[in-house]
Amino acid sequence: MNAMISGQAGVALLIDGMELSSLHADRMEEVVSRQPAEIPYLLGDARDLQFLEGVEVAEVGCRLDLATTQMDALHLALILLDPTLAEDTRRTAAEELEEVLVIPEVSGFVAAVLYAHPIPRDGDLIGAELSCTARTDRVRRFLQNLTGLQSTIAEVRMAWEQIPTAAFGTETDRACALSVAVREGLFRDLVRLRKEHASRAEFRRNHRGSDFSRVGNHGKILDAWLSYLSPDRGSRARQKPRARVIVHGQRQIGGWVREEDRRPGSRQRGPAKSRGPSED
């Protein structure tokens, strides 16, 4: 059996020969028979699709639960960074985020997204940290690390933006490569590598078997990216990152988007909304 998973939509599509069915995060015990025409309504504009081959329903359920938890954690982080929300809402978000950041795959995912683009001006890191309490030390440390790495995050993102589009193929290929690079944690790991002055060879080895290795011209893209981070490139003119890290939702916070109706304490799932955010 093959499967396609979206944490944004909270849905997994199961493909077993000619049979199509779905599994939903809010009712894991039920497998629903589907028709191909229903797929767009189930997934909407979800951008986080994962493809699995040769899996059983139980494994798909575990992967869907993790993907959903990862997306919930990211939405909680965005709520925490939103200065327009009430203090108690942000504090509750910090408390809920504290509970799931203990899961390495969840904390790694949130870092993978937030390390891919510097926090925009309307993102409130100071207020987010002030919303932390004695019960949310893990979240506070995460925010402190994120704050301290902002200049490095900007350098890594600027280097990505300087890669010629020809290295990707087309602008669409570039956007797809960006999505995979964020999801696979390349930005996160390169930020940490640059901060710790670690080996670039190690960075390449760590991602040799990742989904990014399936991106067309991935070797040429990595070569260009790393070359723009070389010490002798430091004098190049800096430019504002043009692409945005996009997360499904309705309300946009700088380069990020979160679900407008997502509030701490809820785990509402359903088809991803059909209206997606615009990109530069």
C-alpha atoms as a PDB file:
ATOM      1  CA  MET A   1       0.000   0.000   0.000  1.00  0.00           C
ATOM      2  CA  ASN A   2       1.153   3.539  -0.786  1.00  0.00           C
ATOM      3  CA  ALA A   3       0.059   6.683   1.021  1.00  0.00           C
ATOM      4  CA  MET A   4       0.076  10.464   0.766  1.00  0.00           C
ATOM      5  CA  ILE A   5       0.029  12.412   4.055  1.00  0.00           C
ATOM      6  CA  SER A   6      -0.736  16.043   4.898  1.00  0.00           C
ATOM      7  CA  GLY A   7      -0.422  17.354   8.434  1.00  0.00           C
ATOM      8  CA  GLN A   8      -2.001  20.630   7.300  1.00  0.00           C
ATOM      9  CA  ALA A   9      -5.170  18.904   6.156  1.00  0.00           C
ATOM     10  CA  GLY A  10      -4.955  16.194   8.827  1.00  0.00           C
ATOM     11  CA  VAL A  11      -5.545  13.593   6.127  1.00  0.00           C
ATOM     12  CA  ALA A  12      -3.765  10.575   4.681  1.00  0.00           C
ATOM     13  CA  LEU A  13      -4.772   9.108   1.333  1.00  0.00           C
ATOM     14  CA  LEU A  14      -4.303   5.348   1.040  1.00  0.00           C
ATOM     15  CA  ILE A  15      -3.724   3.803  -2.382  1.00  0.00           C
ATOM     16  CA  ASP A  16      -4.010   0.017  -2.503  1.00  0.00           C
ATOM     17  CA  GLY A  17      -4.066  -1.130  -6.125  1.00  0.00           C
ATOM     18  CA  MET A  18      -7.159   0.445  -7.649  1.00  0.00           C
ATOM     19  CA  GLU A  19      -8.730   1.208  -4.267  1.00  0.00           C
ATOM     20  CA  LEU A  20      -8.554   4.684  -2.731  1.00  0.00           C
ATOM     21  CA  SER A  21      -9.399   5.537   0.868  1.00  0.00           C
ATOM     22  CA  SER A  22      -8.606   8.150   3.499  1.00  0.00           C
ATOM     23  CA  LEU A  23      -7.532   8.245   7.124  1.00  0.00           C
ATOM     24  CA  HIS A  24      -8.213  11.313   9.258  1.00  0.00           C
ATOM     25  CA  ALA A  25      -6.277  12.663  12.249  1.00  0.00           C
ATOM     26  CA  ASP A  26      -9.433  13.219  14.299  1.00  0.00           C
ATOM     27  CA  ARG A  27     -10.757   9.678  13.768  1.00  0.00           C
ATOM     28  CA  MET A  28      -7.829   7.331  13.226  1.00  0.00           C
ATOM     29  CA  GLU A  29      -9.914   4.205  13.744  1.00  0.00           C
ATOM     30  CA  GLU A  30     -11.988   4.812  10.592  1.00  0.00           C
ATOM     31  CA  VAL A  31     -10.805   4.224   7.014  1.00  0.00           C
ATOM     32  CA  VAL A  32     -13.148   5.919   4.539  1.00  0.00           C
ATOM     33  CA  SER A  33     -13.564   4.706   0.957  1.00  0.00           C
ATOM     34  CA  ARG A  34     -12.987   7.513  -1.564  1.00  0.00           C
ATOM     35  CA  GLN A  35     -13.229   8.402  -5.250  1.00  0.00           C
ATOM     36  CA  PRO A  36     -10.394  10.188  -7.119  1.00  0.00           C
ATOM     37  CA  ALA A  37     -12.623  13.245  -7.640  1.00  0.00           C
ATOM     38  CA  GLU A  38     -12.673  13.798  -3.865  1.00  0.00           C
ATOM     39  CA  ILE A  39      -8.904  14.260  -3.543  1.00  0.00           C
ATOM     40  CA  PRO A  40      -8.850  18.067  -4.165  1.00  0.00           C
ATOM     41  CA  TYR A  41     -11.536  18.572  -1.516  1.00  0.00           C
ATOM     42  CA  LEU A  42      -9.665  16.437   1.019  1.00  0.00           C
ATOM     43  CA  LEU A  43      -6.301  18.140   0.556  1.00  0.00           C
ATOM     44  CA  GLY A  44      -7.335  21.645  -0.496  1.00  0.00           C
ATOM     45  CA  ASP A  45      -4.187  23.748  -0.936  1.00  0.00           C
ATOM     46  CA  ALA A  46      -2.030  21.695   1.453  1.00  0.00           C
ATOM     47  CA  ARG A  47       1.661  22.214   0.715  1.00  0.00           C
ATOM     48  CA  ASP A  48       3.208  19.637   3.038  1.00  0.00           C
ATOM     49  CA  LEU A  49       2.529  16.390   1.180  1.00  0.00           C
ATOM     50  CA  GLN A  50       4.591  13.349   2.137  1.00  0.00           C
ATOM     51  CA  PHE A  51       4.640  10.225  -0.034  1.00  0.00           C
ATOM     52  CA  LEU A  52       5.114   6.751   1.439  1.00  0.00           C
ATOM     53  CA  GLU A  53       5.548   3.442  -0.363  1.00  0.00           C
ATOM     54  CA  GLY A  54       4.972  -0.098   0.873  1.00  0.00           C
ATOM     55  CA  VAL A  55       3.375   0.843   4.201  1.00  0.00           C
ATOM     56  CA  GLU A  56       0.636  -0.555   6.425  1.00  0.00           C
ATOM     57  CA  VAL A  57      -2.333   1.400   7.763  1.00  0.00           C
ATOM     58  CA  ALA A  58      -0.880   1.409  11.291  1.00  0.00           C
ATOM     59  CA  GLU A  59       2.335   3.075  10.105  1.00  0.00           C
ATOM     60  CA  VAL A  60       0.387   5.624   8.069  1.00  0.00           C
ATOM     61  CA  GLY A  61      -1.629   6.467  11.173  1.00  0.00           C
ATOM     62  CA  CYS A  62       1.539   7.063  13.205  1.00  0.00           C
ATOM     63  CA  ARG A  63       3.049   9.240  10.470  1.00  0.00           C
ATOM     64  CA  LEU A  64      -0.176  11.228  10.127  1.00  0.00           C
ATOM     65  CA  ASP A  65      -0.356  11.794  13.886  1.00  0.00           C
ATOM     66  CA  LEU A  66       3.234  13.092  13.894  1.00  0.00           C
ATOM     67  CA  ALA A  67       2.677  15.348  10.862  1.00  0.00           C
ATOM     68  CA  THR A  68      -0.443  16.787  12.476  1.00  0.00           C
ATOM     69  CA  THR A  69       1.347  17.392  15.771  1.00  0.00           C
ATOM     70  CA  GLN A  70       4.216  19.099  13.926  1.00  0.00           C
ATOM     71  CA  MET A  71       1.827  21.454  12.166  1.00  0.00           C
ATOM     72  CA  ASP A  72      -0.066  22.177  15.387  1.00  0.00           C
ATOM     73  CA  ALA A  73       3.234  23.014  17.082  1.00  0.00           C
ATOM     74  CA  LEU A  74       4.185  25.401  14.302  1.00  0.00           C
ATOM     75  CA  HIS A  75       0.820  27.156  14.561  1.00  0.00           C
ATOM     76  CA  LEU A  76       1.310  27.483  18.322  1.00  0.00           C
ATOM     77  CA  ALA A  77       4.732  29.042  17.721  1.00  0.00           C
ATOM     78  CA  LEU A  78       3.204  31.535  15.287  1.00  0.00           C
ATOM     79  CA  ILE A  79       0.478  32.400  17.789  1.00  0.00           C
ATOM     80  CA  LEU A  80       3.192  32.996  20.370  1.00  0.00           C
ATOM     81  CA  LEU A  81       4.990  35.359  17.972  1.00  0.00           C
ATOM     82  CA  ASP A  82       1.850  37.331  17.109  1.00  0.00           C
ATOM     83  CA  PRO A  83       1.792  40.694  18.971  1.00  0.00           C
ATOM     84  CA  THR A  84      -1.862  41.310  18.051  1.00  0.00           C
ATOM     85  CA  LEU A  85      -3.113  38.482  20.251  1.00  0.00           C
ATOM     86  CA  ALA A  86      -4.016  38.734  23.924  1.00  0.00           C
ATOM     87  CA  GLU A  87      -1.329  37.969  26.485  1.00  0.00           C
ATOM     88  CA  ASP A  88      -3.263  35.036  27.961  1.00  0.00           C
ATOM     89  CA  THR A  89      -3.702  33.519  24.489  1.00  0.00           C
ATOM     90  CA  ARG A  90       0.032  33.690  23.868  1.00  0.00           C
ATOM     91  CA  ARG A  91       0.794  32.299  27.325  1.00  0.00           C
ATOM     92  CA  THR A  92      -1.541  29.363  26.713  1.00  0.00           C
ATOM     93  CA  ALA A  93       0.144  28.776  23.350  1.00  0.00           C
ATOM     94  CA  ALA A  94       3.529  28.666  25.097  1.00  0.00           C
ATOM     95  CA  GLU A  95       2.234  26.108  27.603  1.00  0.00           C
ATOM     96  CA  GLU A  96       0.822  23.865  24.864  1.00  0.00           C
ATOM     97  CA  LEU A  97       3.985  24.229  22.801  1.00  0.00           C
ATOM     98  CA  GLU A  98       6.063  23.214  25.839  1.00  0.00           C
ATOM     99  CA  GLU A  99       4.281  19.850  25.899  1.00  0.00           C
ATOM    100  CA  VAL A 100       5.093  18.918  22.302  1.00  0.00           C
ATOM    101  CA  LEU A 101       8.597  20.370  21.947  1.00  0.00           C
ATOM    102  CA  VAL A 102       9.812  17.443  24.047  1.00  0.00           C
ATOM    103  CA  ILE A 103       9.294  15.302  20.911  1.00  0.00           C
ATOM    104  CA  PRO A 104      12.521  15.610  18.839  1.00  0.00           C
ATOM    105  CA  GLU A 105      10.704  15.289  15.510  1.00  0.00           C
ATOM    106  CA  VAL A 106       8.378  18.137  16.513  1.00  0.00           C
ATOM    107  CA  SER A 107      11.006  20.548  17.840  1.00  0.00           C
ATOM    108  CA  GLY A 108      13.154  19.775  14.794  1.00  0.00           C
ATOM    109  CA  PHE A 109      10.270  20.550  12.445  1.00  0.00           C
ATOM    110  CA  VAL A 110       9.456  23.887  14.096  1.00  0.00           C
ATOM    111  CA  ALA A 111      13.127  24.862  13.946  1.00  0.00           C
ATOM    112  CA  ALA A 112      13.327  23.725  10.315  1.00  0.00           C
ATOM    113  CA  VAL A 113      10.624  26.237   9.362  1.00  0.00           C
ATOM    114  CA  LEU A 114      11.548  29.152  11.630  1.00  0.00           C
ATOM    115  CA  TYR A 115      15.268  28.897  10.818  1.00  0.00           C
ATOM    116  CA  ALA A 116      14.507  29.221   7.109  1.00  0.00           C
ATOM    117  CA  HIS A 117      13.663  32.941   7.231  1.00  0.00           C
ATOM    118  CA  PRO A 118      14.503  35.742   9.669  1.00  0.00           C
ATOM    119  CA  ILE A 119      11.638  36.796  11.928  1.00  0.00           C
ATOM    120  CA  PRO A 120       9.764  39.638  10.178  1.00  0.00           C
ATOM    121  CA  ARG A 121       9.235  43.006  11.811  1.00  0.00           C
ATOM    122  CA  ASP A 122       5.684  42.148  12.826  1.00  0.00           C
ATOM    123  CA  GLY A 123       6.883  39.001  14.599  1.00  0.00           C
ATOM    124  CA  ASP A 124       7.357  39.666  18.312  1.00  0.00           C
ATOM    125  CA  LEU A 125      10.241  37.637  19.743  1.00  0.00           C
ATOM    126  CA  ILE A 126      10.518  39.782  22.866  1.00  0.00           C
ATOM    127  CA  GLY A 127       6.824  39.509  23.638  1.00  0.00           C
ATOM    128  CA  ALA A 128       6.925  35.776  22.926  1.00  0.00           C
ATOM    129  CA  GLU A 129       9.668  35.272  25.494  1.00  0.00           C
ATOM    130  CA  LEU A 130       7.815  37.456  28.017  1.00  0.00           C
ATOM    131  CA  SER A 131       4.786  35.182  27.555  1.00  0.00           C
ATOM    132  CA  CYS A 132       6.807  32.238  28.862  1.00  0.00           C
ATOM    133  CA  THR A 133       6.415  31.186  32.487  1.00  0.00           C
ATOM    134  CA  ALA A 134       8.306  28.950  34.898  1.00  0.00           C
ATOM    135  CA  ARG A 135       6.455  26.027  33.301  1.00  0.00           C
ATOM    136  CA  THR A 136       7.703  26.787  29.791  1.00  0.00           C
ATOM    137  CA  ASP A 137      11.487  26.763  30.103  1.00  0.00           C
ATOM    138  CA  ARG A 138      11.883  24.632  26.974  1.00  0.00           C
ATOM    139  CA  VAL A 139       9.970  27.171  24.893  1.00  0.00           C
ATOM    140  CA  ARG A 140      11.969  30.028  26.409  1.00  0.00           C
ATOM    141  CA  ARG A 141      15.263  28.348  25.457  1.00  0.00           C
ATOM    142  CA  PHE A 142      13.971  27.721  21.964  1.00  0.00           C
ATOM    143  CA  LEU A 143      13.059  31.409  21.578  1.00  0.00           C
ATOM    144  CA  GLN A 144      16.400  32.533  22.992  1.00  0.00           C
ATOM    145  CA  ASN A 145      18.249  30.353  20.486  1.00  0.00           C
ATOM    146  CA  LEU A 146      16.027  31.647  17.682  1.00  0.00           C
ATOM    147  CA  THR A 147      16.755  35.238  18.711  1.00  0.00           C
ATOM    148  CA  GLY A 148      20.495  34.679  18.898  1.00  0.00           C
ATOM    149  CA  LEU A 149      20.596  33.075  15.458  1.00  0.00           C
ATOM    150  CA  GLN A 150      18.691  35.782  13.553  1.00  0.00           C
ATOM    151  CA  SER A 151      21.763  37.244  11.820  1.00  0.00           C
ATOM    152  CA  THR A 152      22.957  33.779  10.779  1.00  0.00           C
ATOM    153  CA  ILE A 153      19.470  32.845   9.568  1.00  0.00           C
ATOM    154  CA  ALA A 154      19.458  36.016   7.446  1.00  0.00           C
ATOM    155  CA  GLU A 155      22.881  35.170   5.967  1.00  0.00           C
ATOM    156  CA  VAL A 156      21.824  31.643   5.019  1.00  0.00           C
ATOM    157  CA  ARG A 157      18.552  32.865   3.497  1.00  0.00           C
ATOM    158  CA  MET A 158      20.304  35.624   1.526  1.00  0.00           C
ATOM    159  CA  ALA A 159      22.747  33.068   0.160  1.00  0.00           C
ATOM    160  CA  TRP A 160      19.815  30.938  -1.032  1.00  0.00           C
ATOM    161  CA  GLU A 161      18.227  33.945  -2.751  1.00  0.00           C
ATOM    162  CA  GLN A 162      21.456  34.607  -4.665  1.00  0.00           C
ATOM    163  CA  ILE A 163      21.424  31.164  -6.303  1.00  0.00           C
ATOM    164  CA  PRO A 164      20.631  31.773  -9.999  1.00  0.00           C
ATOM    165  CA  THR A 165      17.233  30.510 -11.106  1.00  0.00           C
ATOM    166  CA  ALA A 166      19.017  28.640 -13.890  1.00  0.00           C
ATOM    167  CA  ALA A 167      20.443  26.293 -11.247  1.00  0.00           C
ATOM    168  CA  PHE A 168      16.887  25.192 -10.422  1.00  0.00           C
ATOM    169  CA  GLY A 169      15.428  25.279 -13.927  1.00  0.00           C
ATOM    170  CA  THR A 170      12.352  27.499 -13.566  1.00  0.00           C
ATOM    171  CA  GLU A 171      10.809  29.682 -10.867  1.00  0.00           C
ATOM    172  CA  THR A 172       8.382  26.836 -10.157  1.00  0.00           C
ATOM    173  CA  ASP A 173      11.322  24.454  -9.709  1.00  0.00           C
ATOM    174  CA  ARG A 174      12.902  27.002  -7.396  1.00  0.00           C
ATOM    175  CA  ALA A 175       9.773  27.170  -5.234  1.00  0.00           C
ATOM    176  CA  CYS A 176       9.550  23.379  -5.077  1.00  0.00           C
ATOM    177  CA  ALA A 177      13.222  23.096  -4.116  1.00  0.00           C
ATOM    178  CA  LEU A 178      12.690  25.697  -1.369  1.00  0.00           C
ATOM    179  CA  SER A 179       9.755  23.747   0.033  1.00  0.00           C
ATOM    180  CA  VAL A 180      11.782  20.523   0.168  1.00  0.00           C
ATOM    181  CA  ALA A 181      14.844  22.281   1.617  1.00  0.00           C
ATOM    182  CA  VAL A 182      12.752  23.763   4.438  1.00  0.00           C
ATOM    183  CA  ARG A 183      10.926  20.518   5.187  1.00  0.00           C
ATOM    184  CA  GLU A 184      14.116  18.461   5.197  1.00  0.00           C
ATOM    185  CA  GLY A 185      15.837  20.894   7.581  1.00  0.00           C
ATOM    186  CA  LEU A 186      18.595  22.109   5.248  1.00  0.00           C
ATOM    187  CA  PHE A 187      18.208  25.736   6.356  1.00  0.00           C
ATOM    188  CA  ARG A 188      18.152  24.718  10.021  1.00  0.00           C
ATOM    189  CA  ASP A 189      21.253  22.555   9.726  1.00  0.00           C
ATOM    190  CA  LEU A 190      23.168  25.073   7.629  1.00  0.00           C
ATOM    191  CA  VAL A 191      22.395  27.825  10.159  1.00  0.00           C
ATOM    192  CA  ARG A 192      23.778  25.639  12.944  1.00  0.00           C
ATOM    193  CA  LEU A 193      26.782  24.626  10.836  1.00  0.00           C
ATOM    194  CA  ARG A 194      27.643  28.250  10.098  1.00  0.00           C
ATOM    195  CA  LYS A 195      27.217  29.281  13.728  1.00  0.00           C
ATOM    196  CA  GLU A 196      29.386  26.413  15.000  1.00  0.00           C
ATOM    197  CA  HIS A 197      31.910  26.589  12.142  1.00  0.00           C
ATOM    198  CA  ALA A 198      31.283  22.889  11.481  1.00  0.00           C
ATOM    199  CA  SER A 199      32.332  20.910   8.408  1.00  0.00           C
ATOM    200  CA  ARG A 200      30.389  21.465   5.201  1.00  0.00           C
ATOM    201  CA  ALA A 201      31.261  17.907   4.196  1.00  0.00           C
ATOM    202  CA  GLU A 202      29.301  16.740   7.227  1.00  0.00           C
ATOM    203  CA  PHE A 203      26.320  18.838   6.120  1.00  0.00           C
ATOM    204  CA  ARG A 204      26.428  17.169   2.696  1.00  0.00           C
ATOM    205  CA  ARG A 205      26.691  13.693   4.225  1.00  0.00           C
ATOM    206  CA  ASN A 206      23.757  14.284   6.554  1.00  0.00           C
ATOM    207  CA  HIS A 207      21.463  15.183   3.663  1.00  0.00           C
ATOM    208  CA  ARG A 208      22.775  12.755   1.064  1.00  0.00           C
ATOM    209  CA  GLY A 209      19.803  10.423   1.500  1.00  0.00           C
ATOM    210  CA  SER A 210      17.154  13.084   2.178  1.00  0.00           C
ATOM    211  CA  ASP A 211      14.316  14.009  -0.139  1.00  0.00           C
ATOM    212  CA  PHE A 212      16.383  16.996  -1.284  1.00  0.00           C
ATOM    213  CA  SER A 213      18.682  14.577  -3.102  1.00  0.00           C
ATOM    214  CA  ARG A 214      15.715  13.881  -5.415  1.00  0.00           C
ATOM    215  CA  VAL A 215      15.470  17.541  -6.431  1.00  0.00           C
ATOM    216  CA  GLY A 216      16.738  18.156  -9.952  1.00  0.00           C
ATOM    217  CA  ASN A 217      20.285  19.617 -10.020  1.00  0.00           C
ATOM    218  CA  HIS A 218      20.455  19.270  -6.221  1.00  0.00           C
ATOM    219  CA  GLY A 219      24.246  19.007  -6.310  1.00  0.00           C
ATOM    220  CA  LYS A 220      24.621  22.171  -8.346  1.00  0.00           C
ATOM    221  CA  ILE A 221      22.156  23.973  -6.060  1.00  0.00           C
ATOM    222  CA  LEU A 222      24.086  22.983  -2.929  1.00  0.00           C
ATOM    223  CA  ASP A 223      27.405  23.993  -4.524  1.00  0.00           C
ATOM    224  CA  ALA A 224      26.026  27.444  -5.366  1.00  0.00           C
ATOM    225  CA  TRP A 225      24.392  27.866  -1.959  1.00  0.00           C
ATOM    226  CA  LEU A 226      27.553  26.997  -0.057  1.00  0.00           C
ATOM    227  CA  SER A 227      29.691  29.148  -2.339  1.00  0.00           C
ATOM    228  CA  TYR A 228      27.614  32.219  -1.461  1.00  0.00           C
ATOM    229  CA  LEU A 229      28.334  31.474   2.201  1.00  0.00           C
ATOM    230  CA  SER A 230      32.091  31.368   1.678  1.00  0.00           C
ATOM    231  CA  PRO A 231      34.142  33.948   3.640  1.00  0.00           C
ATOM    232  CA  ASP A 232      35.208  35.719   0.434  1.00  0.00           C
ATOM    233  CA  ARG A 233      31.577  36.390  -0.375  1.00  0.00           C
ATOM    234  CA  GLY A 234      31.114  38.537   2.713  1.00  0.00           C
ATOM    235  CA  SER A 235      31.576  41.761   0.792  1.00  0.00           C
ATOM    236  CA  ARG A 236      28.768  41.033  -1.667  1.00  0.00           C
ATOM    237  CA  ALA A 237      25.881  43.473  -1.610  1.00  0.00           C
ATOM    238  CA  ARG A 238      23.138  42.236   0.661  1.00  0.00           C
ATOM    239  CA  GLN A 239      19.567  42.071  -0.494  1.00  0.00           C
ATOM    240  CA  LYS A 240      16.321  41.473   1.320  1.00  0.00           C
ATOM    241  CA  PRO A 241      15.136  37.871   0.970  1.00  0.00           C
ATOM    242  CA  ARG A 242      12.437  37.824  -1.678  1.00  0.00           C
ATOM    243  CA  ALA A 243      10.841  34.426  -1.128  1.00  0.00           C
ATOM    244  CA  ARG A 244       8.709  33.684   1.888  1.00  0.00           C
ATOM    245  CA  VAL A 245       8.338  30.656   4.071  1.00  0.00           C
ATOM    246  CA  ILE A 246       4.666  29.878   3.647  1.00  0.00           C
ATOM    247  CA  VAL A 247       2.581  27.828   6.029  1.00  0.00           C
ATOM    248  CA  HIS A 248      -1.064  27.083   5.259  1.00  0.00           C
ATOM    249  CA  GLY A 249      -3.606  29.398   6.816  1.00  0.00           C
ATOM    250  CA  GLN A 250      -5.413  32.651   6.463  1.00  0.00           C
ATOM    251  CA  ARG A 251      -3.700  35.325   8.553  1.00  0.00           C
ATOM    252  CA  GLN A 252      -0.233  36.297   7.440  1.00  0.00           C
ATOM    253  CA  ILE A 253       2.495  37.292   9.893  1.00  0.00           C
ATOM    254  CA  GLY A 254       5.308  38.743   7.816  1.00  0.00           C
ATOM    255  CA  GLY A 255       6.596  35.842   5.759  1.00  0.00           C
ATOM    256  CA  TRP A 256       4.569  33.248   7.653  1.00  0.00           C
ATOM    257  CA  VAL A 257       0.918  32.341   7.657  1.00  0.00           C
ATOM    258  CA  ARG A 258      -1.047  30.692  10.403  1.00  0.00           C
ATOM    259  CA  GLU A 259      -4.603  29.438  10.575  1.00  0.00           C
ATOM    260  CA  GLU A 260      -6.781  32.321  11.695  1.00  0.00           C
ATOM    261  CA  ASP A 261      -9.158  30.077  13.630  1.00  0.00           C
ATOM    262  CA  ARG A 262      -6.422  28.050  15.360  1.00  0.00           C
ATOM    263  CA  ARG A 263      -6.351  28.779  19.058  1.00  0.00           C
ATOM    264  CA  PRO A 264      -4.559  27.034  21.917  1.00  0.00           C
ATOM    265  CA  GLY A 265      -6.538  24.085  23.193  1.00  0.00           C
ATOM    266  CA  SER A 266      -8.058  23.174  19.811  1.00  0.00           C
ATOM    267  CA  ARG A 267      -7.110  20.439  17.410  1.00  0.00           C
ATOM    268  CA  GLN A 268      -9.579  21.029  14.643  1.00  0.00           C
ATOM    269  CA  ARG A 269      -8.861  19.113  11.458  1.00  0.00           C
ATOM    270  CA  GLY A 270     -10.389  18.998   8.050  1.00  0.00           C
ATOM    271  CA  PRO A 271      -9.642  19.831   4.446  1.00  0.00           C
ATOM    272  CA  ALA A 272      -7.018  22.519   3.986  1.00  0.00           C
ATOM    273  CA  LYS A 273      -8.713  25.757   3.024  1.00  0.00           C
ATOM    274  CA  SER A 274      -8.979  26.240  -0.717  1.00  0.00           C
ATOM    275  CA  ARG A 275      -7.700  29.803  -0.640  1.00  0.00           C
ATOM    276  CA  GLY A 276      -3.933  29.829  -0.267  1.00  0.00           C
ATOM    277  CA  PRO A 277      -1.716  32.741   0.677  1.00  0.00           C
ATOM    278  CA  SER A 278      -0.008  34.767  -2.005  1.00  0.00           C
ATOM    279  CA  GLU A 279       3.743  34.587  -2.507  1.00  0.00           C
ATOM    280  CA  ASP A 280       6.169  37.183  -3.708  1.00  0.00           C
END
